[in-house]
Every structure is written in C-alpha cells, then in structure tokens.
Amino acid sequence: MDDRQEFADCRNCRCLATRKEAQRLSRLYDRKLRPHGLTINQFSMLSTLILAGPLPMAALAEWLGIERTTLTRNVSVAEKAGLVALGHGNDRRERIVRLTPAGRQRAEEALPAWRAAQTSASAAETNIPLR
C-alpha cells in the first residue's frame, strides 16, 4: 500500500492543529506584551501570583499547566529581573514563589496589552475583523 494513502488521515490531526493554534496565540500575546518586557508565560505567572498569592513551585506549575522544570527556568528569569522572589515554606525543601512590588507593577502596566491580545484572540475565534 502507498504510504501517502496510509497516512492521509494525518492531514487532519486535531492534536497538530491545536498545537499550531497554541503557537499562533502565543505569538499574538507575546507581540502585544513585548513592549513591557514580558512574554505570555511570564505575564501568566505574574497574574497567577496576583490572583492566588505566594505559591509553592509545584502548585504554581500545576496552576499554569507546565512542567516544574519549565517553571524553574521561568522563575529564574523572573527572579533575575526582580519580578519574583523565592523563599522557603514550612519544609526547607519547599520553595515558595512570591511576587515582588516590581513584578506587580510590571503586570499592572502590561495588563492593557494583555487585554488587547485577548480581544484580538477572541475576535479571531468569531472571525470578527479588528484593526
């Protein structure tokens, strides 16, 4: 049997289509947030800490839906930028991520850009042209 025919259904892979859409959306949000020195991943982490307060790394990773190793890299970058601070929980092995005043300010300044990206993403879902 011809391989192309055997794999023809793969052209309509829902998983691949979802991944492509996620990349497109990430680029849209990243473009809007770039003037504020943030990516959508960083903004999401900051906004989560605003909403939930300080969180253990494991809980923050779960809330954001990312692997702990990915979160460790993201927290390291944010910590170097002064946006978050790491502390210890009751157990010295537990690391708690806290938003700094600079992180809150950066998130507040970037919120209108996030809203613009959210509006663009929502309009794309409904095929409403926006300028």
N, C-alpha and C. Protein backbone atom coordinates (compact mmCIF):
# COMPACT_ATOMS: atom_id res chain seq x y z
N MET A 1 0.83 -1.19 0.00
CA MET A 1 0.00 0.00 0.00
C MET A 1 0.88 1.25 0.00
N ASP A 2 0.43 2.28 -0.66
CA ASP A 2 1.14 3.55 -0.75
C ASP A 2 1.13 4.24 0.62
N ASP A 3 2.31 4.63 1.12
CA ASP A 3 2.41 5.30 2.43
C ASP A 3 1.57 6.57 2.49
N ARG A 4 1.55 7.31 1.39
CA ARG A 4 0.78 8.55 1.40
C ARG A 4 -0.69 8.28 1.64
N GLN A 5 -1.18 7.24 1.04
CA GLN A 5 -2.59 6.88 1.23
C GLN A 5 -2.82 6.38 2.66
N GLU A 6 -1.88 5.62 3.15
CA GLU A 6 -1.99 5.07 4.51
C GLU A 6 -2.05 6.17 5.56
N PHE A 7 -1.31 7.24 5.32
CA PHE A 7 -1.21 8.33 6.30
C PHE A 7 -2.06 9.55 5.95
N ALA A 8 -2.94 9.44 4.99
CA ALA A 8 -3.74 10.58 4.53
C ALA A 8 -4.56 11.20 5.65
N ASP A 9 -5.07 10.39 6.57
CA ASP A 9 -5.87 10.93 7.68
C ASP A 9 -5.07 11.86 8.58
N CYS A 10 -3.76 11.71 8.58
CA CYS A 10 -2.90 12.52 9.45
C CYS A 10 -2.93 14.00 9.08
N ARG A 11 -3.38 14.32 7.88
CA ARG A 11 -3.50 15.73 7.48
C ARG A 11 -4.48 16.48 8.36
N ASN A 12 -5.43 15.75 8.94
CA ASN A 12 -6.47 16.37 9.77
C ASN A 12 -6.26 16.09 11.25
N CYS A 13 -5.02 15.97 11.67
CA CYS A 13 -4.69 15.67 13.06
C CYS A 13 -5.13 16.82 13.98
N ARG A 14 -6.04 16.53 14.88
CA ARG A 14 -6.55 17.56 15.79
C ARG A 14 -5.47 18.03 16.75
N CYS A 15 -4.60 17.12 17.16
CA CYS A 15 -3.52 17.49 18.08
C CYS A 15 -2.57 18.49 17.42
N LEU A 16 -2.16 18.20 16.20
CA LEU A 16 -1.26 19.10 15.49
C LEU A 16 -1.93 20.46 15.25
N ALA A 17 -3.20 20.45 14.88
CA ALA A 17 -3.92 21.70 14.65
C ALA A 17 -3.99 22.52 15.95
N THR A 18 -4.21 21.86 17.07
CA THR A 18 -4.28 22.54 18.35
C THR A 18 -2.93 23.14 18.72
N ARG A 19 -1.85 22.39 18.48
CA ARG A 19 -0.51 22.90 18.77
C ARG A 19 -0.19 24.11 17.91
N LYS A 20 -0.56 24.06 16.64
CA LYS A 20 -0.33 25.21 15.75
C LYS A 20 -1.11 26.43 16.23
N GLU A 21 -2.34 26.22 16.63
CA GLU A 21 -3.16 27.32 17.12
C GLU A 21 -2.58 27.89 18.42
N ALA A 22 -2.10 27.02 19.29
CA ALA A 22 -1.49 27.49 20.54
C ALA A 22 -0.25 28.33 20.24
N GLN A 23 0.55 27.93 19.26
CA GLN A 23 1.73 28.71 18.88
C GLN A 23 1.32 30.06 18.30
N ARG A 24 0.28 30.06 17.48
CA ARG A 24 -0.20 31.31 16.89
C ARG A 24 -0.67 32.27 17.99
N LEU A 25 -1.43 31.74 18.94
CA LEU A 25 -1.92 32.57 20.03
C LEU A 25 -0.78 33.08 20.90
N SER A 26 0.18 32.22 21.19
CA SER A 26 1.33 32.64 22.00
C SER A 26 2.07 33.78 21.31
N ARG A 27 2.27 33.67 20.01
CA ARG A 27 2.95 34.75 19.27
C ARG A 27 2.15 36.05 19.34
N LEU A 28 0.83 35.97 19.24
CA LEU A 28 -0.02 37.15 19.31
C LEU A 28 0.15 37.84 20.66
N TYR A 29 0.03 37.07 21.75
CA TYR A 29 0.17 37.64 23.09
C TYR A 29 1.58 38.16 23.31
N ASP A 30 2.58 37.41 22.87
CA ASP A 30 3.97 37.84 23.03
C ASP A 30 4.23 39.17 22.33
N ARG A 31 3.66 39.33 21.12
CA ARG A 31 3.83 40.59 20.38
C ARG A 31 3.26 41.77 21.17
N LYS A 32 2.08 41.57 21.73
CA LYS A 32 1.43 42.65 22.48
C LYS A 32 2.18 42.97 23.78
N LEU A 33 2.75 41.95 24.42
CA LEU A 33 3.41 42.13 25.72
C LEU A 33 4.88 42.54 25.60
N ARG A 34 5.47 42.35 24.42
CA ARG A 34 6.89 42.63 24.22
C ARG A 34 7.30 44.04 24.68
N PRO A 35 6.52 45.10 24.38
CA PRO A 35 6.93 46.44 24.83
C PRO A 35 7.07 46.55 26.36
N HIS A 36 6.48 45.61 27.08
CA HIS A 36 6.55 45.62 28.54
C HIS A 36 7.62 44.66 29.06
N GLY A 37 8.38 44.09 28.14
CA GLY A 37 9.46 43.19 28.52
C GLY A 37 8.98 41.86 29.06
N LEU A 38 7.79 41.43 28.64
CA LEU A 38 7.22 40.17 29.12
C LEU A 38 6.79 39.28 27.96
N THR A 39 6.79 38.00 28.22
CA THR A 39 6.15 37.03 27.33
C THR A 39 4.83 36.63 27.96
N ILE A 40 4.01 35.91 27.22
CA ILE A 40 2.74 35.47 27.80
C ILE A 40 2.98 34.51 28.96
N ASN A 41 4.04 33.71 28.89
CA ASN A 41 4.34 32.80 30.00
C ASN A 41 4.69 33.58 31.26
N GLN A 42 5.49 34.63 31.12
CA GLN A 42 5.85 35.44 32.27
C GLN A 42 4.65 36.21 32.82
N PHE A 43 3.86 36.80 31.91
CA PHE A 43 2.68 37.54 32.36
C PHE A 43 1.71 36.60 33.08
N SER A 44 1.53 35.41 32.55
CA SER A 44 0.62 34.44 33.18
C SER A 44 1.09 34.08 34.58
N MET A 45 2.40 33.93 34.75
CA MET A 45 2.94 33.62 36.07
C MET A 45 2.69 34.78 37.03
N LEU A 46 2.95 36.01 36.57
CA LEU A 46 2.74 37.17 37.43
C LEU A 46 1.26 37.33 37.78
N SER A 47 0.39 37.20 36.80
CA SER A 47 -1.05 37.37 37.07
C SER A 47 -1.57 36.26 37.99
N THR A 48 -1.03 35.06 37.86
CA THR A 48 -1.42 33.97 38.76
C THR A 48 -1.03 34.29 40.18
N LEU A 49 0.18 34.82 40.37
CA LEU A 49 0.63 35.18 41.72
C LEU A 49 -0.19 36.34 42.29
N ILE A 50 -0.66 37.24 41.43
CA ILE A 50 -1.55 38.31 41.90
C ILE A 50 -2.87 37.70 42.37
N LEU A 51 -3.40 36.77 41.60
CA LEU A 51 -4.69 36.17 41.92
C LEU A 51 -4.63 35.21 43.11
N ALA A 52 -3.56 34.42 43.19
CA ALA A 52 -3.50 33.35 44.19
C ALA A 52 -2.61 33.69 45.38
N GLY A 53 -1.74 34.67 45.24
CA GLY A 53 -0.77 34.94 46.30
C GLY A 53 0.43 34.02 46.14
N PRO A 54 1.35 34.08 47.11
CA PRO A 54 2.54 33.23 47.03
C PRO A 54 2.15 31.75 46.93
N LEU A 55 2.89 31.03 46.09
CA LEU A 55 2.58 29.62 45.86
C LEU A 55 3.84 28.77 45.86
N PRO A 56 3.73 27.54 46.35
CA PRO A 56 4.84 26.60 46.18
C PRO A 56 5.05 26.32 44.69
N MET A 57 6.29 26.03 44.33
CA MET A 57 6.61 25.77 42.92
C MET A 57 5.68 24.72 42.32
N ALA A 58 5.43 23.64 43.02
CA ALA A 58 4.59 22.56 42.47
C ALA A 58 3.18 23.06 42.19
N ALA A 59 2.63 23.84 43.11
CA ALA A 59 1.26 24.36 42.92
C ALA A 59 1.21 25.35 41.77
N LEU A 60 2.24 26.20 41.66
CA LEU A 60 2.28 27.18 40.58
C LEU A 60 2.40 26.48 39.23
N ALA A 61 3.24 25.46 39.16
CA ALA A 61 3.39 24.70 37.91
C ALA A 61 2.07 24.06 37.52
N GLU A 62 1.37 23.51 38.50
CA GLU A 62 0.08 22.88 38.20
C GLU A 62 -0.93 23.93 37.74
N TRP A 63 -0.99 25.06 38.41
CA TRP A 63 -1.93 26.13 38.05
C TRP A 63 -1.68 26.59 36.61
N LEU A 64 -0.39 26.72 36.25
CA LEU A 64 -0.03 27.19 34.91
C LEU A 64 -0.07 26.09 33.86
N GLY A 65 -0.17 24.84 34.29
CA GLY A 65 -0.22 23.72 33.35
C GLY A 65 1.10 23.47 32.66
N ILE A 66 2.21 23.66 33.40
CA ILE A 66 3.53 23.44 32.82
C ILE A 66 4.34 22.51 33.72
N GLU A 67 5.40 21.96 33.15
CA GLU A 67 6.30 21.09 33.91
C GLU A 67 7.09 21.92 34.91
N ARG A 68 7.48 21.30 36.01
CA ARG A 68 8.26 22.02 37.02
C ARG A 68 9.59 22.51 36.47
N THR A 69 10.21 21.72 35.58
CA THR A 69 11.49 22.16 35.02
C THR A 69 11.32 23.43 34.20
N THR A 70 10.22 23.52 33.46
CA THR A 70 9.93 24.73 32.69
C THR A 70 9.69 25.90 33.64
N LEU A 71 8.93 25.65 34.70
CA LEU A 71 8.66 26.71 35.67
C LEU A 71 9.95 27.17 36.34
N THR A 72 10.84 26.24 36.64
CA THR A 72 12.11 26.60 37.27
C THR A 72 12.87 27.59 36.40
N ARG A 73 12.92 27.34 35.10
CA ARG A 73 13.58 28.28 34.18
C ARG A 73 12.87 29.63 34.18
N ASN A 74 11.53 29.61 34.08
CA ASN A 74 10.76 30.86 34.04
C ASN A 74 10.93 31.67 35.32
N VAL A 75 10.92 30.99 36.46
CA VAL A 75 11.09 31.67 37.74
C VAL A 75 12.49 32.26 37.85
N SER A 76 13.49 31.54 37.38
CA SER A 76 14.86 32.03 37.41
C SER A 76 15.00 33.33 36.63
N VAL A 77 14.42 33.39 35.44
CA VAL A 77 14.47 34.60 34.62
C VAL A 77 13.73 35.74 35.33
N ALA A 78 12.56 35.45 35.87
CA ALA A 78 11.76 36.48 36.56
C ALA A 78 12.45 36.95 37.84
N GLU A 79 13.12 36.04 38.51
CA GLU A 79 13.83 36.41 39.74
C GLU A 79 15.01 37.34 39.40
N LYS A 80 15.75 37.03 38.35
CA LYS A 80 16.87 37.88 37.93
C LYS A 80 16.39 39.27 37.54
N ALA A 81 15.17 39.36 37.00
CA ALA A 81 14.59 40.65 36.60
C ALA A 81 13.94 41.36 37.79
N GLY A 82 13.93 40.73 38.96
CA GLY A 82 13.34 41.34 40.15
C GLY A 82 11.83 41.29 40.20
N LEU A 83 11.22 40.42 39.40
CA LEU A 83 9.76 40.35 39.34
C LEU A 83 9.16 39.40 40.37
N VAL A 84 9.94 38.39 40.76
CA VAL A 84 9.50 37.43 41.78
C VAL A 84 10.66 37.19 42.73
N ALA A 85 10.33 36.66 43.89
CA ALA A 85 11.34 36.27 44.88
C ALA A 85 11.03 34.85 45.33
N LEU A 86 12.07 34.10 45.61
CA LEU A 86 11.91 32.73 46.09
C LEU A 86 12.19 32.69 47.59
N GLY A 87 11.37 31.96 48.29
CA GLY A 87 11.58 31.74 49.72
C GLY A 87 11.32 30.29 50.03
N HIS A 88 11.41 29.95 51.30
CA HIS A 88 11.17 28.58 51.73
C HIS A 88 9.83 28.49 52.44
N GLY A 89 9.19 27.34 52.30
CA GLY A 89 7.94 27.08 53.01
C GLY A 89 8.25 26.50 54.37
N ASN A 90 7.27 25.81 54.96
CA ASN A 90 7.45 25.18 56.26
C ASN A 90 8.56 24.14 56.19
N ASP A 91 8.61 23.44 55.10
CA ASP A 91 9.65 22.46 54.84
C ASP A 91 10.74 23.17 54.04
N ARG A 92 11.96 23.13 54.49
CA ARG A 92 13.05 23.86 53.82
C ARG A 92 13.22 23.45 52.36
N ARG A 93 12.72 22.25 52.00
CA ARG A 93 12.83 21.80 50.61
C ARG A 93 11.78 22.45 49.72
N GLU A 94 10.70 22.94 50.32
CA GLU A 94 9.62 23.58 49.54
C GLU A 94 10.01 25.02 49.23
N ARG A 95 9.97 25.36 47.94
CA ARG A 95 10.28 26.73 47.52
C ARG A 95 8.97 27.45 47.19
N ILE A 96 8.83 28.63 47.75
CA ILE A 96 7.63 29.45 47.56
C ILE A 96 7.99 30.61 46.63
N VAL A 97 7.14 30.82 45.62
CA VAL A 97 7.34 31.93 44.68
C VAL A 97 6.43 33.07 45.11
N ARG A 98 7.03 34.23 45.30
CA ARG A 98 6.28 35.42 45.71
C ARG A 98 6.48 36.53 44.67
N LEU A 99 5.44 37.26 44.43
CA LEU A 99 5.51 38.42 43.54
C LEU A 99 6.19 39.57 44.28
N THR A 100 7.08 40.27 43.61
CA THR A 100 7.70 41.46 44.20
C THR A 100 6.87 42.69 43.81
N PRO A 101 7.07 43.80 44.49
CA PRO A 101 6.38 45.03 44.07
C PRO A 101 6.69 45.38 42.60
N ALA A 102 7.93 45.15 42.16
CA ALA A 102 8.28 45.42 40.76
C ALA A 102 7.52 44.49 39.82
N GLY A 103 7.32 43.25 40.24
CA GLY A 103 6.56 42.29 39.42
C GLY A 103 5.11 42.70 39.31
N ARG A 104 4.55 43.14 40.41
CA ARG A 104 3.15 43.60 40.38
C ARG A 104 3.01 44.81 39.48
N GLN A 105 3.94 45.75 39.60
CA GLN A 105 3.90 46.96 38.77
C GLN A 105 4.01 46.60 37.28
N ARG A 106 4.93 45.69 36.95
CA ARG A 106 5.11 45.28 35.56
C ARG A 106 3.83 44.64 35.04
N ALA A 107 3.21 43.79 35.83
CA ALA A 107 1.96 43.14 35.41
C ALA A 107 0.85 44.17 35.21
N GLU A 108 0.76 45.13 36.12
CA GLU A 108 -0.26 46.17 36.00
C GLU A 108 -0.06 47.00 34.74
N GLU A 109 1.20 47.34 34.45
CA GLU A 109 1.50 48.11 33.24
C GLU A 109 1.20 47.32 31.97
N ALA A 110 1.38 46.00 32.03
CA ALA A 110 1.18 45.14 30.85
C ALA A 110 -0.27 44.70 30.68
N LEU A 111 -1.10 44.89 31.69
CA LEU A 111 -2.49 44.42 31.61
C LEU A 111 -3.26 44.96 30.41
N PRO A 112 -3.16 46.23 30.06
CA PRO A 112 -3.86 46.70 28.85
C PRO A 112 -3.38 45.98 27.57
N ALA A 113 -2.09 45.66 27.49
CA ALA A 113 -1.58 44.93 26.33
C ALA A 113 -2.14 43.52 26.30
N TRP A 114 -2.22 42.89 27.48
CA TRP A 114 -2.82 41.55 27.56
C TRP A 114 -4.29 41.62 27.12
N ARG A 115 -4.99 42.64 27.58
CA ARG A 115 -6.41 42.79 27.20
C ARG A 115 -6.55 42.96 25.68
N ALA A 116 -5.65 43.71 25.07
CA ALA A 116 -5.68 43.90 23.62
C ALA A 116 -5.46 42.56 22.91
N ALA A 117 -4.53 41.76 23.42
CA ALA A 117 -4.29 40.44 22.83
C ALA A 117 -5.51 39.54 23.02
N GLN A 118 -6.11 39.62 24.19
CA GLN A 118 -7.30 38.81 24.49
C GLN A 118 -8.45 39.19 23.54
N THR A 119 -8.61 40.48 23.30
CA THR A 119 -9.65 40.93 22.37
C THR A 119 -9.37 40.43 20.96
N SER A 120 -8.12 40.53 20.53
CA SER A 120 -7.75 40.04 19.19
C SER A 120 -7.98 38.54 19.08
N ALA A 121 -7.60 37.80 20.10
CA ALA A 121 -7.78 36.35 20.08
C ALA A 121 -9.25 35.98 20.05
N SER A 122 -10.05 36.69 20.84
CA SER A 122 -11.49 36.41 20.86
C SER A 122 -12.15 36.76 19.54
N ALA A 123 -11.72 37.86 18.93
CA ALA A 123 -12.27 38.26 17.64
C ALA A 123 -11.91 37.24 16.57
N ALA A 124 -10.72 36.69 16.64
CA ALA A 124 -10.30 35.67 15.67
C ALA A 124 -11.16 34.41 15.79
N GLU A 125 -11.58 34.09 17.00
CA GLU A 125 -12.45 32.92 17.21
C GLU A 125 -13.80 33.10 16.50
N THR A 126 -14.27 34.34 16.50
CA THR A 126 -15.59 34.60 15.93
C THR A 126 -15.49 35.22 14.54
N ASN A 127 -14.25 35.31 14.04
CA ASN A 127 -13.99 35.86 12.71
C ASN A 127 -14.47 37.30 12.54
N ILE A 128 -14.39 38.07 13.62
CA ILE A 128 -14.74 39.49 13.54
C ILE A 128 -13.48 40.26 13.22
N PRO A 129 -13.42 40.97 12.10
CA PRO A 129 -12.19 41.70 11.78
C PRO A 129 -12.00 42.88 12.72
N LEU A 130 -10.78 42.99 13.25
CA LEU A 130 -10.42 44.13 14.11
C LEU A 130 -9.24 44.84 13.49
N ARG A 131 -9.12 46.11 13.74
CA ARG A 131 -7.99 46.87 13.21
C ARG A 131 -6.91 46.95 14.24
